[in-house]
Amino acid sequence: GVGRNLMYERAPVLQALDQDEDFAAL
């Protein structure tokens, strides 16, 4: 997607960044 026009639910993204070590490393 393009960050200049993209919508998503914030909770799953924060969960990925805070709790999913593989995704955070990527």
mmCIF file of all heavy atoms, coordinates in Angstrom:
data_MODEL
# 
_entry.id   MODEL 
# 
loop_
_atom_site.group_PDB 
_atom_site.id 
_atom_site.type_symbol 
_atom_site.label_atom_id 
_atom_site.label_alt_id 
_atom_site.label_comp_id 
_atom_site.label_asym_id 
_atom_site.label_entity_id 
_atom_site.label_seq_id 
_atom_site.pdbx_PDB_ins_code 
_atom_site.Cartn_x 
_atom_site.Cartn_y 
_atom_site.Cartn_z 
_atom_site.occupancy 
_atom_site.B_iso_or_equiv 
_atom_site.pdbx_formal_charge 
_atom_site.auth_seq_id 
_atom_site.auth_comp_id 
_atom_site.auth_asym_id 
_atom_site.auth_atom_id 
_atom_site.pdbx_PDB_model_num 
ATOM 1   N N   . GLY A 1 1  ? 0.874   -1.156  0.000  1.00 0.00 ? 1  GLY A N   1 
ATOM 2   C CA  . GLY A 1 1  ? 0.000   0.000   0.000  1.00 0.00 ? 1  GLY A CA  1 
ATOM 3   C C   . GLY A 1 1  ? 0.913   1.208   0.000  1.00 0.00 ? 1  GLY A C   1 
ATOM 4   O O   . GLY A 1 1  ? 2.139   1.071   0.034  1.00 0.00 ? 1  GLY A O   1 
ATOM 5   N N   . VAL A 1 2  ? 0.350   2.397   -0.037 1.00 0.00 ? 2  VAL A N   1 
ATOM 6   C CA  . VAL A 1 2  ? 1.177   3.601   0.017  1.00 0.00 ? 2  VAL A CA  1 
ATOM 7   C C   . VAL A 1 2  ? 0.852   4.346   1.301  1.00 0.00 ? 2  VAL A C   1 
ATOM 8   O O   . VAL A 1 2  ? -0.312  4.571   1.634  1.00 0.00 ? 2  VAL A O   1 
ATOM 9   C CB  . VAL A 1 2  ? 0.968   4.500   -1.224 1.00 0.00 ? 2  VAL A CB  1 
ATOM 10  C CG1 . VAL A 1 2  ? 1.544   3.829   -2.462 1.00 0.00 ? 2  VAL A CG1 1 
ATOM 11  C CG2 . VAL A 1 2  ? -0.498  4.842   -1.446 1.00 0.00 ? 2  VAL A CG2 1 
ATOM 12  N N   . GLY A 1 3  ? 1.893   4.710   2.030  1.00 0.00 ? 3  GLY A N   1 
ATOM 13  C CA  . GLY A 1 3  ? 1.709   5.352   3.316  1.00 0.00 ? 3  GLY A CA  1 
ATOM 14  C C   . GLY A 1 3  ? 1.087   6.725   3.232  1.00 0.00 ? 3  GLY A C   1 
ATOM 15  O O   . GLY A 1 3  ? 0.713   7.292   4.261  1.00 0.00 ? 3  GLY A O   1 
ATOM 16  N N   . ARG A 1 4  ? 0.954   7.254   2.037  1.00 0.00 ? 4  ARG A N   1 
ATOM 17  C CA  . ARG A 1 4  ? 0.289   8.548   1.885  1.00 0.00 ? 4  ARG A CA  1 
ATOM 18  C C   . ARG A 1 4  ? -1.223  8.419   1.770  1.00 0.00 ? 4  ARG A C   1 
ATOM 19  O O   . ARG A 1 4  ? -1.930  9.424   1.693  1.00 0.00 ? 4  ARG A O   1 
ATOM 20  C CB  . ARG A 1 4  ? 0.856   9.310   0.683  1.00 0.00 ? 4  ARG A CB  1 
ATOM 21  C CG  . ARG A 1 4  ? 0.790   8.584   -0.646 1.00 0.00 ? 4  ARG A CG  1 
ATOM 22  C CD  . ARG A 1 4  ? 1.611   9.319   -1.720 1.00 0.00 ? 4  ARG A CD  1 
ATOM 23  N NE  . ARG A 1 4  ? 1.470   8.708   -3.037 1.00 0.00 ? 4  ARG A NE  1 
ATOM 24  C CZ  . ARG A 1 4  ? 2.259   7.751   -3.488 1.00 0.00 ? 4  ARG A CZ  1 
ATOM 25  N NH1 . ARG A 1 4  ? 3.228   7.283   -2.725 1.00 0.00 ? 4  ARG A NH1 1 
ATOM 26  N NH2 . ARG A 1 4  ? 2.087   7.253   -4.702 1.00 0.00 ? 4  ARG A NH2 1 
ATOM 27  N N   . ASN A 1 5  ? -1.735  7.179   1.788  1.00 0.00 ? 5  ASN A N   1 
ATOM 28  C CA  . ASN A 1 5  ? -3.187  6.967   1.770  1.00 0.00 ? 5  ASN A CA  1 
ATOM 29  C C   . ASN A 1 5  ? -3.498  5.512   2.114  1.00 0.00 ? 5  ASN A C   1 
ATOM 30  O O   . ASN A 1 5  ? -3.834  4.707   1.251  1.00 0.00 ? 5  ASN A O   1 
ATOM 31  C CB  . ASN A 1 5  ? -3.772  7.331   0.403  1.00 0.00 ? 5  ASN A CB  1 
ATOM 32  C CG  . ASN A 1 5  ? -5.258  7.595   0.449  1.00 0.00 ? 5  ASN A CG  1 
ATOM 33  O OD1 . ASN A 1 5  ? -5.861  7.666   1.516  1.00 0.00 ? 5  ASN A OD1 1 
ATOM 34  N ND2 . ASN A 1 5  ? -5.875  7.760   -0.704 1.00 0.00 ? 5  ASN A ND2 1 
ATOM 35  N N   . LEU A 1 6  ? -3.415  5.211   3.391  1.00 0.00 ? 6  LEU A N   1 
ATOM 36  C CA  . LEU A 1 6  ? -3.570  3.838   3.862  1.00 0.00 ? 6  LEU A CA  1 
ATOM 37  C C   . LEU A 1 6  ? -4.278  3.859   5.211  1.00 0.00 ? 6  LEU A C   1 
ATOM 38  O O   . LEU A 1 6  ? -3.929  4.636   6.097  1.00 0.00 ? 6  LEU A O   1 
ATOM 39  C CB  . LEU A 1 6  ? -2.194  3.183   3.998  1.00 0.00 ? 6  LEU A CB  1 
ATOM 40  C CG  . LEU A 1 6  ? -2.129  1.775   4.585  1.00 0.00 ? 6  LEU A CG  1 
ATOM 41  C CD1 . LEU A 1 6  ? -2.843  0.771   3.691  1.00 0.00 ? 6  LEU A CD1 1 
ATOM 42  C CD2 . LEU A 1 6  ? -0.670  1.370   4.785  1.00 0.00 ? 6  LEU A CD2 1 
ATOM 43  N N   . MET A 1 7  ? -5.271  3.001   5.372  1.00 0.00 ? 7  MET A N   1 
ATOM 44  C CA  . MET A 1 7  ? -6.043  2.940   6.617  1.00 0.00 ? 7  MET A CA  1 
ATOM 45  C C   . MET A 1 7  ? -5.999  1.530   7.194  1.00 0.00 ? 7  MET A C   1 
ATOM 46  O O   . MET A 1 7  ? -6.152  0.549   6.458  1.00 0.00 ? 7  MET A O   1 
ATOM 47  C CB  . MET A 1 7  ? -7.498  3.357   6.348  1.00 0.00 ? 7  MET A CB  1 
ATOM 48  C CG  . MET A 1 7  ? -8.429  3.212   7.539  1.00 0.00 ? 7  MET A CG  1 
ATOM 49  S SD  . MET A 1 7  ? -10.111 3.785   7.178  1.00 0.00 ? 7  MET A SD  1 
ATOM 50  C CE  . MET A 1 7  ? -9.935  5.549   7.449  1.00 0.00 ? 7  MET A CE  1 
ATOM 51  N N   . TYR A 1 8  ? -5.764  1.452   8.505  1.00 0.00 ? 8  TYR A N   1 
ATOM 52  C CA  . TYR A 1 8  ? -5.828  0.160   9.167  1.00 0.00 ? 8  TYR A CA  1 
ATOM 53  C C   . TYR A 1 8  ? -6.136  0.337   10.649 1.00 0.00 ? 8  TYR A C   1 
ATOM 54  O O   . TYR A 1 8  ? -6.070  1.443   11.199 1.00 0.00 ? 8  TYR A O   1 
ATOM 55  C CB  . TYR A 1 8  ? -4.541  -0.649  8.978  1.00 0.00 ? 8  TYR A CB  1 
ATOM 56  C CG  . TYR A 1 8  ? -3.240  0.067   9.285  1.00 0.00 ? 8  TYR A CG  1 
ATOM 57  C CD1 . TYR A 1 8  ? -2.896  0.448   10.577 1.00 0.00 ? 8  TYR A CD1 1 
ATOM 58  C CD2 . TYR A 1 8  ? -2.325  0.327   8.266  1.00 0.00 ? 8  TYR A CD2 1 
ATOM 59  C CE1 . TYR A 1 8  ? -1.687  1.065   10.863 1.00 0.00 ? 8  TYR A CE1 1 
ATOM 60  C CE2 . TYR A 1 8  ? -1.113  0.953   8.531  1.00 0.00 ? 8  TYR A CE2 1 
ATOM 61  C CZ  . TYR A 1 8  ? -0.793  1.312   9.825  1.00 0.00 ? 8  TYR A CZ  1 
ATOM 62  O OH  . TYR A 1 8  ? 0.407   1.926   10.092 1.00 0.00 ? 8  TYR A OH  1 
ATOM 63  N N   . GLU A 1 9  ? -6.485  -0.781  11.293 1.00 0.00 ? 9  GLU A N   1 
ATOM 64  C CA  . GLU A 1 9  ? -6.719  -0.793  12.733 1.00 0.00 ? 9  GLU A CA  1 
ATOM 65  C C   . GLU A 1 9  ? -5.362  -0.771  13.435 1.00 0.00 ? 9  GLU A C   1 
ATOM 66  O O   . GLU A 1 9  ? -4.475  -1.554  13.105 1.00 0.00 ? 9  GLU A O   1 
ATOM 67  C CB  . GLU A 1 9  ? -7.511  -2.035  13.125 1.00 0.00 ? 9  GLU A CB  1 
ATOM 68  C CG  . GLU A 1 9  ? -8.872  -2.118  12.446 1.00 0.00 ? 9  GLU A CG  1 
ATOM 69  C CD  . GLU A 1 9  ? -9.499  -3.495  12.571 1.00 0.00 ? 9  GLU A CD  1 
ATOM 70  O OE1 . GLU A 1 9  ? -8.911  -4.353  13.271 1.00 0.00 ? 9  GLU A OE1 1 
ATOM 71  O OE2 . GLU A 1 9  ? -10.578 -3.721  11.970 1.00 0.00 ? 9  GLU A OE2 1 
ATOM 72  N N   . ARG A 1 10 ? -5.205  0.106   14.411 1.00 0.00 ? 10 ARG A N   1 
ATOM 73  C CA  . ARG A 1 10 ? -3.878  0.276   15.009 1.00 0.00 ? 10 ARG A CA  1 
ATOM 74  C C   . ARG A 1 10 ? -3.499  -0.863  15.953 1.00 0.00 ? 10 ARG A C   1 
ATOM 75  O O   . ARG A 1 10 ? -2.321  -1.192  16.098 1.00 0.00 ? 10 ARG A O   1 
ATOM 76  C CB  . ARG A 1 10 ? -3.789  1.612   15.740 1.00 0.00 ? 10 ARG A CB  1 
ATOM 77  C CG  . ARG A 1 10 ? -4.566  1.714   17.024 1.00 0.00 ? 10 ARG A CG  1 
ATOM 78  C CD  . ARG A 1 10 ? -4.287  3.034   17.730 1.00 0.00 ? 10 ARG A CD  1 
ATOM 79  N NE  . ARG A 1 10 ? -4.997  3.104   18.990 1.00 0.00 ? 10 ARG A NE  1 
ATOM 80  C CZ  . ARG A 1 10 ? -4.432  3.514   20.122 1.00 0.00 ? 10 ARG A CZ  1 
ATOM 81  N NH1 . ARG A 1 10 ? -3.178  3.897   20.132 1.00 0.00 ? 10 ARG A NH1 1 
ATOM 82  N NH2 . ARG A 1 10 ? -5.134  3.555   21.230 1.00 0.00 ? 10 ARG A NH2 1 
ATOM 83  N N   . ALA A 1 11 ? -4.489  -1.500  16.620 1.00 0.00 ? 11 ALA A N   1 
ATOM 84  C CA  . ALA A 1 11 ? -4.174  -2.515  17.630 1.00 0.00 ? 11 ALA A CA  1 
ATOM 85  C C   . ALA A 1 11 ? -3.360  -3.684  17.068 1.00 0.00 ? 11 ALA A C   1 
ATOM 86  O O   . ALA A 1 11 ? -2.346  -4.084  17.665 1.00 0.00 ? 11 ALA A O   1 
ATOM 87  C CB  . ALA A 1 11 ? -5.456  -3.011  18.288 1.00 0.00 ? 11 ALA A CB  1 
ATOM 88  N N   . PRO A 1 12 ? -3.739  -4.279  15.920 1.00 0.00 ? 12 PRO A N   1 
ATOM 89  C CA  . PRO A 1 12 ? -2.941  -5.393  15.392 1.00 0.00 ? 12 PRO A CA  1 
ATOM 90  C C   . PRO A 1 12 ? -1.522  -4.976  15.000 1.00 0.00 ? 12 PRO A C   1 
ATOM 91  O O   . PRO A 1 12 ? -0.585  -5.769  15.150 1.00 0.00 ? 12 PRO A O   1 
ATOM 92  C CB  . PRO A 1 12 ? -3.739  -5.856  14.165 1.00 0.00 ? 12 PRO A CB  1 
ATOM 93  C CG  . PRO A 1 12 ? -5.116  -5.346  14.380 1.00 0.00 ? 12 PRO A CG  1 
ATOM 94  C CD  . PRO A 1 12 ? -4.961  -4.069  15.120 1.00 0.00 ? 12 PRO A CD  1 
ATOM 95  N N   . VAL A 1 13 ? -1.363  -3.739  14.514 1.00 0.00 ? 13 VAL A N   1 
ATOM 96  C CA  . VAL A 1 13 ? -0.031  -3.274  14.111 1.00 0.00 ? 13 VAL A CA  1 
ATOM 97  C C   . VAL A 1 13 ? 0.845   -3.072  15.342 1.00 0.00 ? 13 VAL A C   1 
ATOM 98  O O   . VAL A 1 13 ? 2.018   -3.479  15.366 1.00 0.00 ? 13 VAL A O   1 
ATOM 99  C CB  . VAL A 1 13 ? -0.132  -1.974  13.291 1.00 0.00 ? 13 VAL A CB  1 
ATOM 100 C CG1 . VAL A 1 13 ? 1.257   -1.457  12.933 1.00 0.00 ? 13 VAL A CG1 1 
ATOM 101 C CG2 . VAL A 1 13 ? -0.947  -2.216  12.020 1.00 0.00 ? 13 VAL A CG2 1 
ATOM 102 N N   . LEU A 1 14 ? 0.297   -2.453  16.382 1.00 0.00 ? 14 LEU A N   1 
ATOM 103 C CA  . LEU A 1 14 ? 1.065   -2.269  17.612 1.00 0.00 ? 14 LEU A CA  1 
ATOM 104 C C   . LEU A 1 14 ? 1.412   -3.608  18.249 1.00 0.00 ? 14 LEU A C   1 
ATOM 105 O O   . LEU A 1 14 ? 2.507   -3.795  18.784 1.00 0.00 ? 14 LEU A O   1 
ATOM 106 C CB  . LEU A 1 14 ? 0.281   -1.408  18.596 1.00 0.00 ? 14 LEU A CB  1 
ATOM 107 C CG  . LEU A 1 14 ? 0.280   0.091   18.317 1.00 0.00 ? 14 LEU A CG  1 
ATOM 108 C CD1 . LEU A 1 14 ? -0.633  0.812   19.299 1.00 0.00 ? 14 LEU A CD1 1 
ATOM 109 C CD2 . LEU A 1 14 ? 1.693   0.664   18.387 1.00 0.00 ? 14 LEU A CD2 1 
ATOM 110 N N   . GLN A 1 15 ? 0.479   -4.535  18.191 1.00 0.00 ? 15 GLN A N   1 
ATOM 111 C CA  . GLN A 1 15 ? 0.750   -5.861  18.738 1.00 0.00 ? 15 GLN A CA  1 
ATOM 112 C C   . GLN A 1 15 ? 1.903   -6.527  17.991 1.00 0.00 ? 15 GLN A C   1 
ATOM 113 O O   . GLN A 1 15 ? 2.772   -7.162  18.604 1.00 0.00 ? 15 GLN A O   1 
ATOM 114 C CB  . GLN A 1 15 ? -0.499  -6.728  18.654 1.00 0.00 ? 15 GLN A CB  1 
ATOM 115 C CG  . GLN A 1 15 ? -0.333  -8.107  19.279 1.00 0.00 ? 15 GLN A CG  1 
ATOM 116 C CD  . GLN A 1 15 ? -1.620  -8.921  19.247 1.00 0.00 ? 15 GLN A CD  1 
ATOM 117 O OE1 . GLN A 1 15 ? -2.610  -8.513  18.651 1.00 0.00 ? 15 GLN A OE1 1 
ATOM 118 N NE2 . GLN A 1 15 ? -1.609  -10.073 19.887 1.00 0.00 ? 15 GLN A NE2 1 
ATOM 119 N N   . ALA A 1 16 ? 1.924   -6.362  16.671 1.00 0.00 ? 16 ALA A N   1 
ATOM 120 C CA  . ALA A 1 16 ? 3.004   -6.947  15.872 1.00 0.00 ? 16 ALA A CA  1 
ATOM 121 C C   . ALA A 1 16 ? 4.353   -6.316  16.216 1.00 0.00 ? 16 ALA A C   1 
ATOM 122 O O   . ALA A 1 16 ? 5.363   -7.004  16.363 1.00 0.00 ? 16 ALA A O   1 
ATOM 123 C CB  . ALA A 1 16 ? 2.698   -6.771  14.393 1.00 0.00 ? 16 ALA A CB  1 
ATOM 124 N N   . LEU A 1 17 ? 4.373   -4.983  16.350 1.00 0.00 ? 17 LEU A N   1 
ATOM 125 C CA  . LEU A 1 17 ? 5.623   -4.281  16.630 1.00 0.00 ? 17 LEU A CA  1 
ATOM 126 C C   . LEU A 1 17 ? 6.115   -4.525  18.055 1.00 0.00 ? 17 LEU A C   1 
ATOM 127 O O   . LEU A 1 17 ? 7.323   -4.572  18.299 1.00 0.00 ? 17 LEU A O   1 
ATOM 128 C CB  . LEU A 1 17 ? 5.436   -2.784  16.398 1.00 0.00 ? 17 LEU A CB  1 
ATOM 129 C CG  . LEU A 1 17 ? 5.181   -2.362  14.949 1.00 0.00 ? 17 LEU A CG  1 
ATOM 130 C CD1 . LEU A 1 17 ? 4.837   -0.885  14.875 1.00 0.00 ? 17 LEU A CD1 1 
ATOM 131 C CD2 . LEU A 1 17 ? 6.396   -2.662  14.085 1.00 0.00 ? 17 LEU A CD2 1 
ATOM 132 N N   . ASP A 1 18 ? 5.184   -4.685  18.997 1.00 0.00 ? 18 ASP A N   1 
ATOM 133 C CA  . ASP A 1 18 ? 5.563   -4.824  20.401 1.00 0.00 ? 18 ASP A CA  1 
ATOM 134 C C   . ASP A 1 18 ? 5.771   -6.270  20.834 1.00 0.00 ? 18 ASP A C   1 
ATOM 135 O O   . ASP A 1 18 ? 6.545   -6.528  21.774 1.00 0.00 ? 18 ASP A O   1 
ATOM 136 C CB  . ASP A 1 18 ? 4.494   -4.195  21.299 1.00 0.00 ? 18 ASP A CB  1 
ATOM 137 C CG  . ASP A 1 18 ? 4.415   -2.684  21.145 1.00 0.00 ? 18 ASP A CG  1 
ATOM 138 O OD1 . ASP A 1 18 ? 5.419   -2.080  20.734 1.00 0.00 ? 18 ASP A OD1 1 
ATOM 139 O OD2 . ASP A 1 18 ? 3.334   -2.113  21.419 1.00 0.00 ? 18 ASP A OD2 1 
ATOM 140 N N   . GLN A 1 19 ? 5.100   -7.223  20.160 1.00 0.00 ? 19 GLN A N   1 
ATOM 141 C CA  . GLN A 1 19 ? 5.104   -8.592  20.665 1.00 0.00 ? 19 GLN A CA  1 
ATOM 142 C C   . GLN A 1 19 ? 5.619   -9.635  19.677 1.00 0.00 ? 19 GLN A C   1 
ATOM 143 O O   . GLN A 1 19 ? 6.017   -10.724 20.093 1.00 0.00 ? 19 GLN A O   1 
ATOM 144 C CB  . GLN A 1 19 ? 3.692   -8.975  21.115 1.00 0.00 ? 19 GLN A CB  1 
ATOM 145 C CG  . GLN A 1 19 ? 3.132   -8.078  22.210 1.00 0.00 ? 19 GLN A CG  1 
ATOM 146 C CD  . GLN A 1 19 ? 1.710   -8.448  22.589 1.00 0.00 ? 19 GLN A CD  1 
ATOM 147 O OE1 . GLN A 1 19 ? 1.279   -9.585  22.410 1.00 0.00 ? 19 GLN A OE1 1 
ATOM 148 N NE2 . GLN A 1 19 ? 0.962   -7.485  23.117 1.00 0.00 ? 19 GLN A NE2 1 
ATOM 149 N N   . ASP A 1 20 ? 5.596   -9.316  18.388 1.00 0.00 ? 20 ASP A N   1 
ATOM 150 C CA  . ASP A 1 20 ? 6.064   -10.277 17.389 1.00 0.00 ? 20 ASP A CA  1 
ATOM 151 C C   . ASP A 1 20 ? 7.529   -9.972  17.069 1.00 0.00 ? 20 ASP A C   1 
ATOM 152 O O   . ASP A 1 20 ? 7.840   -9.064  16.301 1.00 0.00 ? 20 ASP A O   1 
ATOM 153 C CB  . ASP A 1 20 ? 5.204   -10.168 16.122 1.00 0.00 ? 20 ASP A CB  1 
ATOM 154 C CG  . ASP A 1 20 ? 5.484   -11.285 15.130 1.00 0.00 ? 20 ASP A CG  1 
ATOM 155 O OD1 . ASP A 1 20 ? 6.643   -11.709 15.026 1.00 0.00 ? 20 ASP A OD1 1 
ATOM 156 O OD2 . ASP A 1 20 ? 4.542   -11.709 14.437 1.00 0.00 ? 20 ASP A OD2 1 
ATOM 157 N N   . GLU A 1 21 ? 8.444   -10.731 17.657 1.00 0.00 ? 21 GLU A N   1 
ATOM 158 C CA  . GLU A 1 21 ? 9.868   -10.442 17.515 1.00 0.00 ? 21 GLU A CA  1 
ATOM 159 C C   . GLU A 1 21 ? 10.342  -10.584 16.074 1.00 0.00 ? 21 GLU A C   1 
ATOM 160 O O   . GLU A 1 21 ? 11.206  -9.821  15.617 1.00 0.00 ? 21 GLU A O   1 
ATOM 161 C CB  . GLU A 1 21 ? 10.670  -11.364 18.428 1.00 0.00 ? 21 GLU A CB  1 
ATOM 162 C CG  . GLU A 1 21 ? 10.434  -11.107 19.911 1.00 0.00 ? 21 GLU A CG  1 
ATOM 163 C CD  . GLU A 1 21 ? 11.264  -12.004 20.792 1.00 0.00 ? 21 GLU A CD  1 
ATOM 164 O OE1 . GLU A 1 21 ? 12.075  -12.791 20.239 1.00 0.00 ? 21 GLU A OE1 1 
ATOM 165 O OE2 . GLU A 1 21 ? 11.119  -11.935 22.027 1.00 0.00 ? 21 GLU A OE2 1 
ATOM 166 N N   . ASP A 1 22 ? 9.795   -11.545 15.342 1.00 0.00 ? 22 ASP A N   1 
ATOM 167 C CA  . ASP A 1 22 ? 10.210  -11.740 13.956 1.00 0.00 ? 22 ASP A CA  1 
ATOM 168 C C   . ASP A 1 22 ? 9.811   -10.547 13.092 1.00 0.00 ? 22 ASP A C   1 
ATOM 169 O O   . ASP A 1 22 ? 10.607  -10.052 12.282 1.00 0.00 ? 22 ASP A O   1 
ATOM 170 C CB  . ASP A 1 22 ? 9.601   -13.025 13.386 1.00 0.00 ? 22 ASP A CB  1 
ATOM 171 C CG  . ASP A 1 22 ? 10.178  -14.276 14.030 1.00 0.00 ? 22 ASP A CG  1 
ATOM 172 O OD1 . ASP A 1 22 ? 11.314  -14.198 14.541 1.00 0.00 ? 22 ASP A OD1 1 
ATOM 173 O OD2 . ASP A 1 22 ? 9.489   -15.311 14.030 1.00 0.00 ? 22 ASP A OD2 1 
ATOM 174 N N   . PHE A 1 23 ? 8.577   -10.072 13.275 1.00 0.00 ? 23 PHE A N   1 
ATOM 175 C CA  . PHE A 1 23 ? 8.134   -8.926  12.483 1.00 0.00 ? 23 PHE A CA  1 
ATOM 176 C C   . PHE A 1 23 ? 8.891   -7.672  12.885 1.00 0.00 ? 23 PHE A C   1 
ATOM 177 O O   . PHE A 1 23 ? 9.288   -6.869  12.026 1.00 0.00 ? 23 PHE A O   1 
ATOM 178 C CB  . PHE A 1 23 ? 6.630   -8.698  12.641 1.00 0.00 ? 23 PHE A CB  1 
ATOM 179 C CG  . PHE A 1 23 ? 6.119   -7.531  11.848 1.00 0.00 ? 23 PHE A CG  1 
ATOM 180 C CD1 . PHE A 1 23 ? 5.975   -7.629  10.466 1.00 0.00 ? 23 PHE A CD1 1 
ATOM 181 C CD2 . PHE A 1 23 ? 5.813   -6.320  12.457 1.00 0.00 ? 23 PHE A CD2 1 
ATOM 182 C CE1 . PHE A 1 23 ? 5.529   -6.557  9.714  1.00 0.00 ? 23 PHE A CE1 1 
ATOM 183 C CE2 . PHE A 1 23 ? 5.362   -5.242  11.721 1.00 0.00 ? 23 PHE A CE2 1 
ATOM 184 C CZ  . PHE A 1 23 ? 5.221   -5.361  10.345 1.00 0.00 ? 23 PHE A CZ  1 
ATOM 185 N N   . ALA A 1 24 ? 9.112   -7.468  14.181 1.00 0.00 ? 24 ALA A N   1 
ATOM 186 C CA  . ALA A 1 24 ? 9.853   -6.292  14.639 1.00 0.00 ? 24 ALA A CA  1 
ATOM 187 C C   . ALA A 1 24 ? 11.273  -6.291  14.071 1.00 0.00 ? 24 ALA A C   1 
ATOM 188 O O   . ALA A 1 24 ? 11.795  -5.244  13.670 1.00 0.00 ? 24 ALA A O   1 
ATOM 189 C CB  . ALA A 1 24 ? 9.883   -6.250  16.158 1.00 0.00 ? 24 ALA A CB  1 
ATOM 190 N N   . ALA A 1 25 ? 11.897  -7.464  14.009 1.00 0.00 ? 25 ALA A N   1 
ATOM 191 C CA  . ALA A 1 25 ? 13.244  -7.558  13.443 1.00 0.00 ? 25 ALA A CA  1 
ATOM 192 C C   . ALA A 1 25 ? 13.231  -7.212  11.959 1.00 0.00 ? 25 ALA A C   1 
ATOM 193 O O   . ALA A 1 25 ? 14.120  -6.514  11.459 1.00 0.00 ? 25 ALA A O   1 
ATOM 194 C CB  . ALA A 1 25 ? 13.801  -8.964  13.657 1.00 0.00 ? 25 ALA A CB  1 
ATOM 195 N N   . LEU A 1 26 ? 12.212  -7.696  11.246 1.00 0.00 ? 26 LEU A N   1 
ATOM 196 C CA  . LEU A 1 26 ? 12.070  -7.363  9.832  1.00 0.00 ? 26 LEU A CA  1 
ATOM 197 C C   . LEU A 1 26 ? 11.830  -5.865  9.651  1.00 0.00 ? 26 LEU A C   1 
ATOM 198 O O   . LEU A 1 26 ? 12.368  -5.231  8.738  1.00 0.00 ? 26 LEU A O   1 
ATOM 199 C CB  . LEU A 1 26 ? 10.910  -8.162  9.239  1.00 0.00 ? 26 LEU A CB  1 
ATOM 200 C CG  . LEU A 1 26 ? 10.545  -7.898  7.774  1.00 0.00 ? 26 LEU A CG  1 
ATOM 201 C CD1 . LEU A 1 26 ? 11.716  -8.237  6.863  1.00 0.00 ? 26 LEU A CD1 1 
ATOM 202 C CD2 . LEU A 1 26 ? 9.312   -8.690  7.376  1.00 0.00 ? 26 LEU A CD2 1 
# 
